[in-house]
Amino acid sequence: MKKLLLSAALLLALGASFTSCREEDKKDAENAIENAGNAVEEAAEDTEEAVEGGFEAVGEAIDSAVEETEEAGEAVENAVEEATDDKK
């Protein structure tokens, strides 16, 4: 009878310890999922900022190229005018 009671108490203690560990595992898993979700959101925001910065840089480069092309065109026109004035 004594062994039966001790065995039952041991099974009850083991059952309680496994049950409490499972709850902690669920909380850990929920925290890990939440942390992963936050990391994904942060990465998406960083990517969006980088893309916007890249678009701005490309736009500035295009504007600069257009200005330089216009300046080069004016220089060519001036050179042609000087060359034709020299021939007269």
PDB file of N, CA and C in Angstrom:
ATOM      1  N   MET A   1       0.813  -1.175   0.000  1.00  0.00           N
ATOM      2  CA  MET A   1       0.000   0.000   0.000  1.00  0.00           C
ATOM      3  C   MET A   1       0.870   1.257   0.000  1.00  0.00           C
ATOM      4  N   LYS A   2       1.964   1.212   0.769  1.00  0.00           N
ATOM      5  CA  LYS A   2       2.855   2.353   0.855  1.00  0.00           C
ATOM      6  C   LYS A   2       3.502   2.614  -0.506  1.00  0.00           C
ATOM      7  N   LYS A   3       3.905   1.545  -1.186  1.00  0.00           N
ATOM      8  CA  LYS A   3       4.527   1.689  -2.500  1.00  0.00           C
ATOM      9  C   LYS A   3       3.530   2.268  -3.507  1.00  0.00           C
ATOM     10  N   LEU A   4       2.295   1.875  -3.400  1.00  0.00           N
ATOM     11  CA  LEU A   4       1.269   2.360  -4.306  1.00  0.00           C
ATOM     12  C   LEU A   4       1.075   3.863  -4.132  1.00  0.00           C
ATOM     13  N   LEU A   5       1.035   4.334  -2.896  1.00  0.00           N
ATOM     14  CA  LEU A   5       0.872   5.757  -2.635  1.00  0.00           C
ATOM     15  C   LEU A   5       2.096   6.554  -3.100  1.00  0.00           C
ATOM     16  N   LEU A   6       3.286   6.029  -2.850  1.00  0.00           N
ATOM     17  CA  LEU A   6       4.503   6.709  -3.290  1.00  0.00           C
ATOM     18  C   LEU A   6       4.587   6.754  -4.816  1.00  0.00           C
ATOM     19  N   SER A   7       4.196   5.703  -5.460  1.00  0.00           N
ATOM     20  CA  SER A   7       4.199   5.668  -6.931  1.00  0.00           C
ATOM     21  C   SER A   7       3.193   6.669  -7.496  1.00  0.00           C
ATOM     22  N   ALA A   8       2.028   6.735  -6.867  1.00  0.00           N
ATOM     23  CA  ALA A   8       1.009   7.683  -7.322  1.00  0.00           C
ATOM     24  C   ALA A   8       1.500   9.126  -7.128  1.00  0.00           C
ATOM     25  N   ALA A   9       2.151   9.382  -5.988  1.00  0.00           N
ATOM     26  CA  ALA A   9       2.675  10.724  -5.721  1.00  0.00           C
ATOM     27  C   ALA A   9       3.781  11.078  -6.735  1.00  0.00           C
ATOM     28  N   LEU A  10       4.620  10.110  -7.056  1.00  0.00           N
ATOM     29  CA  LEU A  10       5.676  10.342  -8.041  1.00  0.00           C
ATOM     30  C   LEU A  10       5.083  10.644  -9.421  1.00  0.00           C
ATOM     31  N   LEU A  11       4.093   9.891  -9.843  1.00  0.00           N
ATOM     32  CA  LEU A  11       3.436  10.133 -11.126  1.00  0.00           C
ATOM     33  C   LEU A  11       2.748  11.498 -11.149  1.00  0.00           C
ATOM     34  N   LEU A  12       2.132  11.893 -10.048  1.00  0.00           N
ATOM     35  CA  LEU A  12       1.482  13.195  -9.963  1.00  0.00           C
ATOM     36  C   LEU A  12       2.511  14.323 -10.072  1.00  0.00           C
ATOM     37  N   ALA A  13       3.646  14.168  -9.388  1.00  0.00           N
ATOM     38  CA  ALA A  13       4.694  15.190  -9.447  1.00  0.00           C
ATOM     39  C   ALA A  13       5.281  15.292 -10.860  1.00  0.00           C
ATOM     40  N   LEU A  14       5.539  14.171 -11.485  1.00  0.00           N
ATOM     41  CA  LEU A  14       6.061  14.185 -12.855  1.00  0.00           C
ATOM     42  C   LEU A  14       5.050  14.788 -13.826  1.00  0.00           C
ATOM     43  N   GLY A  15       3.802  14.435 -13.673  1.00  0.00           N
ATOM     44  CA  GLY A  15       2.756  14.977 -14.540  1.00  0.00           C
ATOM     45  C   GLY A  15       2.645  16.487 -14.405  1.00  0.00           C
ATOM     46  N   ALA A  16       2.736  16.987 -13.188  1.00  0.00           N
ATOM     47  CA  ALA A  16       2.652  18.436 -12.961  1.00  0.00           C
ATOM     48  C   ALA A  16       3.870  19.145 -13.550  1.00  0.00           C
ATOM     49  N   SER A  17       5.042  18.547 -13.429  1.00  0.00           N
ATOM     50  CA  SER A  17       6.246  19.203 -13.949  1.00  0.00           C
ATOM     51  C   SER A  17       6.230  19.250 -15.476  1.00  0.00           C
ATOM     52  N   PHE A  18       5.742  18.205 -16.136  1.00  0.00           N
ATOM     53  CA  PHE A  18       5.664  18.219 -17.593  1.00  0.00           C
ATOM     54  C   PHE A  18       4.607  19.211 -18.080  1.00  0.00           C
ATOM     55  N   THR A  19       3.529  19.322 -17.356  1.00  0.00           N
ATOM     56  CA  THR A  19       2.478  20.255 -17.741  1.00  0.00           C
ATOM     57  C   THR A  19       2.976  21.689 -17.640  1.00  0.00           C
ATOM     58  N   SER A  20       3.702  22.030 -16.596  1.00  0.00           N
ATOM     59  CA  SER A  20       4.187  23.393 -16.438  1.00  0.00           C
ATOM     60  C   SER A  20       5.261  23.709 -17.482  1.00  0.00           C
ATOM     61  N   CYS A  21       6.043  22.751 -17.874  1.00  0.00           N
ATOM     62  CA  CYS A  21       7.061  22.983 -18.905  1.00  0.00           C
ATOM     63  C   CYS A  21       6.406  23.254 -20.248  1.00  0.00           C
ATOM     64  N   ARG A  22       5.324  22.600 -20.540  1.00  0.00           N
ATOM     65  CA  ARG A  22       4.641  22.800 -21.804  1.00  0.00           C
ATOM     66  C   ARG A  22       4.111  24.224 -21.911  1.00  0.00           C
ATOM     67  N   GLU A  23       3.605  24.776 -20.834  1.00  0.00           N
ATOM     68  CA  GLU A  23       3.099  26.139 -20.865  1.00  0.00           C
ATOM     69  C   GLU A  23       4.229  27.126 -21.141  1.00  0.00           C
ATOM     70  N   GLU A  24       5.371  26.904 -20.542  1.00  0.00           N
ATOM     71  CA  GLU A  24       6.510  27.778 -20.771  1.00  0.00           C
ATOM     72  C   GLU A  24       6.980  27.670 -22.224  1.00  0.00           C
ATOM     73  N   ASP A  25       6.953  26.464 -22.744  1.00  0.00           N
ATOM     74  CA  ASP A  25       7.341  26.281 -24.140  1.00  0.00           C
ATOM     75  C   ASP A  25       6.401  27.046 -25.067  1.00  0.00           C
ATOM     76  N   LYS A  26       5.108  27.032 -24.738  1.00  0.00           N
ATOM     77  CA  LYS A  26       4.148  27.766 -25.557  1.00  0.00           C
ATOM     78  C   LYS A  26       4.432  29.265 -25.487  1.00  0.00           C
ATOM     79  N   LYS A  27       4.740  29.749 -24.287  1.00  0.00           N
ATOM     80  CA  LYS A  27       5.047  31.168 -24.133  1.00  0.00           C
ATOM     81  C   LYS A  27       6.330  31.515 -24.882  1.00  0.00           C
ATOM     82  N   ASP A  28       7.326  30.639 -24.794  1.00  0.00           N
ATOM     83  CA  ASP A  28       8.572  30.875 -25.516  1.00  0.00           C
ATOM     84  C   ASP A  28       8.340  30.888 -27.021  1.00  0.00           C
ATOM     85  N   ALA A  29       7.510  29.971 -27.483  1.00  0.00           N
ATOM     86  CA  ALA A  29       7.208  29.913 -28.914  1.00  0.00           C
ATOM     87  C   ALA A  29       6.451  31.167 -29.351  1.00  0.00           C
ATOM     88  N   GLU A  30       5.505  31.612 -28.534  1.00  0.00           N
ATOM     89  CA  GLU A  30       4.762  32.825 -28.871  1.00  0.00           C
ATOM     90  C   GLU A  30       5.696  34.032 -28.909  1.00  0.00           C
ATOM     91  N   ASN A  31       6.610  34.112 -27.947  1.00  0.00           N
ATOM     92  CA  ASN A  31       7.577  35.212 -27.930  1.00  0.00           C
ATOM     93  C   ASN A  31       8.496  35.165 -29.152  1.00  0.00           C
ATOM     94  N   ALA A  32       8.915  33.966 -29.512  1.00  0.00           N
ATOM     95  CA  ALA A  32       9.788  33.821 -30.681  1.00  0.00           C
ATOM     96  C   ALA A  32       9.061  34.244 -31.955  1.00  0.00           C
ATOM     97  N   ILE A  33       7.794  33.871 -32.076  1.00  0.00           N
ATOM     98  CA  ILE A  33       7.003  34.253 -33.249  1.00  0.00           C
ATOM     99  C   ILE A  33       6.823  35.765 -33.279  1.00  0.00           C
ATOM    100  N   GLU A  34       6.534  36.351 -32.136  1.00  0.00           N
ATOM    101  CA  GLU A  34       6.361  37.807 -32.074  1.00  0.00           C
ATOM    102  C   GLU A  34       7.657  38.526 -32.428  1.00  0.00           C
ATOM    103  N   ASN A  35       8.780  38.031 -31.901  1.00  0.00           N
ATOM    104  CA  ASN A  35      10.075  38.636 -32.212  1.00  0.00           C
ATOM    105  C   ASN A  35      10.410  38.511 -33.700  1.00  0.00           C
ATOM    106  N   ALA A  36      10.085  37.374 -34.278  1.00  0.00           N
ATOM    107  CA  ALA A  36      10.327  37.183 -35.709  1.00  0.00           C
ATOM    108  C   ALA A  36       9.462  38.137 -36.527  1.00  0.00           C
ATOM    109  N   GLY A  37       8.225  38.320 -36.112  1.00  0.00           N
ATOM    110  CA  GLY A  37       7.336  39.255 -36.804  1.00  0.00           C
ATOM    111  C   GLY A  37       7.868  40.674 -36.728  1.00  0.00           C
ATOM    112  N   ASN A  38       8.364  41.066 -35.555  1.00  0.00           N
ATOM    113  CA  ASN A  38       8.938  42.403 -35.401  1.00  0.00           C
ATOM    114  C   ASN A  38      10.178  42.571 -36.270  1.00  0.00           C
ATOM    115  N   ALA A  39      10.996  41.546 -36.341  1.00  0.00           N
ATOM    116  CA  ALA A  39      12.209  41.611 -37.156  1.00  0.00           C
ATOM    117  C   ALA A  39      11.855  41.752 -38.635  1.00  0.00           C
ATOM    118  N   VAL A  40      10.820  41.053 -39.073  1.00  0.00           N
ATOM    119  CA  VAL A  40      10.391  41.147 -40.470  1.00  0.00           C
ATOM    120  C   VAL A  40       9.881  42.554 -40.768  1.00  0.00           C
ATOM    121  N   GLU A  41       9.104  43.113 -39.844  1.00  0.00           N
ATOM    122  CA  GLU A  41       8.592  44.469 -40.046  1.00  0.00           C
ATOM    123  C   GLU A  41       9.729  45.481 -40.119  1.00  0.00           C
ATOM    124  N   GLU A  42      10.704  45.354 -39.225  1.00  0.00           N
ATOM    125  CA  GLU A  42      11.847  46.264 -39.227  1.00  0.00           C
ATOM    126  C   GLU A  42      12.651  46.131 -40.523  1.00  0.00           C
ATOM    127  N   ALA A  43      12.836  44.899 -40.979  1.00  0.00           N
ATOM    128  CA  ALA A  43      13.574  44.681 -42.222  1.00  0.00           C
ATOM    129  C   ALA A  43      12.826  45.291 -43.406  1.00  0.00           C
ATOM    130  N   ALA A  44      11.502  45.168 -43.405  1.00  0.00           N
ATOM    131  CA  ALA A  44      10.701  45.755 -44.486  1.00  0.00           C
ATOM    132  C   ALA A  44      10.817  47.277 -44.474  1.00  0.00           C
ATOM    133  N   GLU A  45      10.782  47.863 -43.294  1.00  0.00           N
ATOM    134  CA  GLU A  45      10.923  49.323 -43.190  1.00  0.00           C
ATOM    135  C   GLU A  45      12.302  49.770 -43.659  1.00  0.00           C
ATOM    136  N   ASP A  46      13.341  49.044 -43.256  1.00  0.00           N
ATOM    137  CA  ASP A  46      14.697  49.386 -43.685  1.00  0.00           C
ATOM    138  C   ASP A  46      14.837  49.273 -45.205  1.00  0.00           C
ATOM    139  N   THR A  47      14.235  48.241 -45.764  1.00  0.00           N
ATOM    140  CA  THR A  47      14.288  48.046 -47.214  1.00  0.00           C
ATOM    141  C   THR A  47      13.559  49.172 -47.933  1.00  0.00           C
ATOM    142  N   GLU A  48      12.408  49.559 -47.390  1.00  0.00           N
ATOM    143  CA  GLU A  48      11.643  50.657 -47.997  1.00  0.00           C
ATOM    144  C   GLU A  48      12.457  51.947 -47.982  1.00  0.00           C
ATOM    145  N   GLU A  49      13.110  52.228 -46.865  1.00  0.00           N
ATOM    146  CA  GLU A  49      13.932  53.428 -46.766  1.00  0.00           C
ATOM    147  C   GLU A  49      15.104  53.380 -47.748  1.00  0.00           C
ATOM    148  N   ALA A  50      15.715  52.216 -47.884  1.00  0.00           N
ATOM    149  CA  ALA A  50      16.842  52.079 -48.804  1.00  0.00           C
ATOM    150  C   ALA A  50      16.390  52.273 -50.250  1.00  0.00           C
ATOM    151  N   VAL A  51      15.238  51.733 -50.584  1.00  0.00           N
ATOM    152  CA  VAL A  51      14.719  51.877 -51.947  1.00  0.00           C
ATOM    153  C   VAL A  51      14.403  53.334 -52.233  1.00  0.00           C
ATOM    154  N   GLU A  52      13.762  54.002 -51.261  1.00  0.00           N
ATOM    155  CA  GLU A  52      13.450  55.421 -51.456  1.00  0.00           C
ATOM    156  C   GLU A  52      14.726  56.237 -51.636  1.00  0.00           C
ATOM    157  N   GLY A  53      15.737  55.941 -50.823  1.00  0.00           N
ATOM    158  CA  GLY A  53      17.021  56.626 -50.954  1.00  0.00           C
ATOM    159  C   GLY A  53      17.668  56.353 -52.301  1.00  0.00           C
ATOM    160  N   GLY A  54      17.541  55.129 -52.774  1.00  0.00           N
ATOM    161  CA  GLY A  54      18.092  54.770 -54.083  1.00  0.00           C
ATOM    162  C   GLY A  54      17.394  55.516 -55.202  1.00  0.00           C
ATOM    163  N   PHE A  55      16.060  55.629 -55.118  1.00  0.00           N
ATOM    164  CA  PHE A  55      15.312  56.366 -56.130  1.00  0.00           C
ATOM    165  C   PHE A  55      15.711  57.841 -56.137  1.00  0.00           C
ATOM    166  N   GLU A  56      15.899  58.392 -54.945  1.00  0.00           N
ATOM    167  CA  GLU A  56      16.315  59.796 -54.872  1.00  0.00           C
ATOM    168  C   GLU A  56      17.688  59.985 -55.506  1.00  0.00           C
ATOM    169  N   ALA A  57      18.608  59.068 -55.225  1.00  0.00           N
ATOM    170  CA  ALA A  57      19.950  59.172 -55.791  1.00  0.00           C
ATOM    171  C   ALA A  57      19.916  59.037 -57.310  1.00  0.00           C
ATOM    172  N   VAL A  58      19.105  58.125 -57.817  1.00  0.00           N
ATOM    173  CA  VAL A  58      18.989  57.948 -59.269  1.00  0.00           C
ATOM    174  C   VAL A  58      18.382  59.196 -59.897  1.00  0.00           C
ATOM    175  N   GLY A  59      17.369  59.756 -59.255  1.00  0.00           N
ATOM    176  CA  GLY A  59      16.754  60.978 -59.772  1.00  0.00           C
ATOM    177  C   GLY A  59      17.743  62.123 -59.831  1.00  0.00           C
ATOM    178  N   GLU A  60      18.549  62.273 -58.787  1.00  0.00           N
ATOM    179  CA  GLU A  60      19.569  63.322 -58.774  1.00  0.00           C
ATOM    180  C   GLU A  60      20.618  63.088 -59.856  1.00  0.00           C
ATOM    181  N   ALA A  61      21.000  61.839 -60.056  1.00  0.00           N
ATOM    182  CA  ALA A  61      21.982  61.526 -61.098  1.00  0.00           C
ATOM    183  C   ALA A  61      21.428  61.844 -62.487  1.00  0.00           C
ATOM    184  N   ILE A  62      20.169  61.538 -62.696  1.00  0.00           N
ATOM    185  CA  ILE A  62      19.549  61.842 -63.993  1.00  0.00           C
ATOM    186  C   ILE A  62      19.494  63.345 -64.211  1.00  0.00           C
ATOM    187  N   ASP A  63      19.079  64.075 -63.178  1.00  0.00           N
ATOM    188  CA  ASP A  63      19.032  65.544 -63.296  1.00  0.00           C
ATOM    189  C   ASP A  63      20.409  66.110 -63.618  1.00  0.00           C
ATOM    190  N   SER A  64      21.414  65.603 -62.941  1.00  0.00           N
ATOM    191  CA  SER A  64      22.780  66.068 -63.172  1.00  0.00           C
ATOM    192  C   SER A  64      23.228  65.741 -64.598  1.00  0.00           C
ATOM    193  N   ALA A  65      22.890  64.544 -65.076  1.00  0.00           N
ATOM    194  CA  ALA A  65      23.272  64.155 -66.437  1.00  0.00           C
ATOM    195  C   ALA A  65      22.576  65.037 -67.469  1.00  0.00           C
ATOM    196  N   VAL A  66      21.324  65.374 -67.211  1.00  0.00           N
ATOM    197  CA  VAL A  66      20.592  66.240 -68.140  1.00  0.00           C
ATOM    198  C   VAL A  66      21.247  67.619 -68.187  1.00  0.00           C
ATOM    199  N   GLU A  67      21.588  68.149 -67.014  1.00  0.00           N
ATOM    200  CA  GLU A  67      22.239  69.461 -66.972  1.00  0.00           C
ATOM    201  C   GLU A  67      23.578  69.446 -67.707  1.00  0.00           C
ATOM    202  N   GLU A  68      24.357  68.402 -67.484  1.00  0.00           N
ATOM    203  CA  GLU A  68      25.662  68.302 -68.146  1.00  0.00           C
ATOM    204  C   GLU A  68      25.498  68.141 -69.656  1.00  0.00           C
ATOM    205  N   THR A  69      24.474  67.416 -70.067  1.00  0.00           N
ATOM    206  CA  THR A  69      24.225  67.245 -71.499  1.00  0.00           C
ATOM    207  C   THR A  69      23.842  68.584 -72.129  1.00  0.00           C
ATOM    208  N   GLU A  70      23.000  69.340 -71.427  1.00  0.00           N
ATOM    209  CA  GLU A  70      22.623  70.660 -71.938  1.00  0.00           C
ATOM    210  C   GLU A  70      23.851  71.569 -72.049  1.00  0.00           C
ATOM    211  N   GLU A  71      24.708  71.526 -71.039  1.00  0.00           N
ATOM    212  CA  GLU A  71      25.930  72.334 -71.064  1.00  0.00           C
ATOM    213  C   GLU A  71      26.839  71.904 -72.216  1.00  0.00           C
ATOM    214  N   ALA A  72      26.946  70.604 -72.438  1.00  0.00           N
ATOM    215  CA  ALA A  72      27.775  70.108 -73.531  1.00  0.00           C
ATOM    216  C   ALA A  72      27.191  70.543 -74.877  1.00  0.00           C
ATOM    217  N   GLY A  73      25.865  70.511 -74.991  1.00  0.00           N
ATOM    218  CA  GLY A  73      25.213  70.953 -76.228  1.00  0.00           C
ATOM    219  C   GLY A  73      25.476  72.422 -76.490  1.00  0.00           C
ATOM    220  N   GLU A  74      25.415  73.224 -75.443  1.00  0.00           N
ATOM    221  CA  GLU A  74      25.708  74.652 -75.592  1.00  0.00           C
ATOM    222  C   GLU A  74      27.165  74.869 -75.989  1.00  0.00           C
ATOM    223  N   ALA A  75      28.066  74.093 -75.414  1.00  0.00           N
ATOM    224  CA  ALA A  75      29.481  74.213 -75.766  1.00  0.00           C
ATOM    225  C   ALA A  75      29.710  73.852 -77.223  1.00  0.00           C
ATOM    226  N   VAL A  76      29.010  72.832 -77.715  1.00  0.00           N
ATOM    227  CA  VAL A  76      29.137  72.435 -79.120  1.00  0.00           C
ATOM    228  C   VAL A  76      28.594  73.546 -80.014  1.00  0.00           C
ATOM    229  N   GLU A  77      27.459  74.119 -79.648  1.00  0.00           N
ATOM    230  CA  GLU A  77      26.891  75.213 -80.439  1.00  0.00           C
ATOM    231  C   GLU A  77      27.857  76.402 -80.498  1.00  0.00           C
ATOM    232  N   ASN A  78      28.448  76.721 -79.353  1.00  0.00           N
ATOM    233  CA  ASN A  78      29.410  77.825 -79.314  1.00  0.00           C
ATOM    234  C   ASN A  78      30.627  77.536 -80.185  1.00  0.00           C
ATOM    235  N   ALA A  79      31.088  76.301 -80.127  1.00  0.00           N
ATOM    236  CA  ALA A  79      32.249  75.928 -80.938  1.00  0.00           C
ATOM    237  C   ALA A  79      31.924  76.011 -82.417  1.00  0.00           C
ATOM    238  N   VAL A  80      30.728  75.577 -82.800  1.00  0.00           N
ATOM    239  CA  VAL A  80      30.317  75.644 -84.206  1.00  0.00           C
ATOM    240  C   VAL A  80      30.208  77.094 -84.640  1.00  0.00           C
ATOM    241  N   GLU A  81      29.620  77.913 -83.799  1.00  0.00           N
ATOM    242  CA  GLU A  81      29.494  79.333 -84.128  1.00  0.00           C
ATOM    243  C   GLU A  81      30.871  79.994 -84.291  1.00  0.00           C
ATOM    244  N   GLU A  82      31.777  79.683 -83.420  1.00  0.00           N
ATOM    245  CA  GLU A  82      33.152  80.242 -83.521  1.00  0.00           C
ATOM    246  C   GLU A  82      33.837  79.750 -84.789  1.00  0.00           C
ATOM    247  N   ALA A  83      33.654  78.475 -85.093  1.00  0.00           N
ATOM    248  CA  ALA A  83      34.296  77.928 -86.284  1.00  0.00           C
ATOM    249  C   ALA A  83      33.710  78.563 -87.542  1.00  0.00           C
ATOM    250  N   THR A  84      32.405  78.795 -87.573  1.00  0.00           N
ATOM    251  CA  THR A  84      31.810  79.402 -88.762  1.00  0.00           C
ATOM    252  C   THR A  84      32.132  80.884 -88.832  1.00  0.00           C
ATOM    253  N   ASP A  85      32.290  81.540 -87.687  1.00  0.00           N
ATOM    254  CA  ASP A  85      32.688  82.951 -87.695  1.00  0.00           C
ATOM    255  C   ASP A  85      34.112  83.124 -88.165  1.00  0.00           C
ATOM    256  N   ASP A  86      34.976  82.176 -87.820  1.00  0.00           N
ATOM    257  CA  ASP A  86      36.379  82.251 -88.246  1.00  0.00           C
ATOM    258  C   ASP A  86      36.510  82.073 -89.757  1.00  0.00           C
ATOM    259  N   LYS A  87      35.649  81.334 -90.400  1.00  0.00           N
ATOM    260  CA  LYS A  87      35.721  81.067 -91.831  1.00  0.00           C
ATOM    261  C   LYS A  87      35.218  82.264 -92.652  1.00  0.00           C
ATOM    262  N   LYS A  88      34.441  83.117 -92.054  1.00  0.00           N
ATOM    263  CA  LYS A  88      33.890  84.257 -92.784  1.00  0.00           C
ATOM    264  C   LYS A  88      34.900  85.291 -92.933  1.00  0.00           C
TER     265      LYS A  88
END
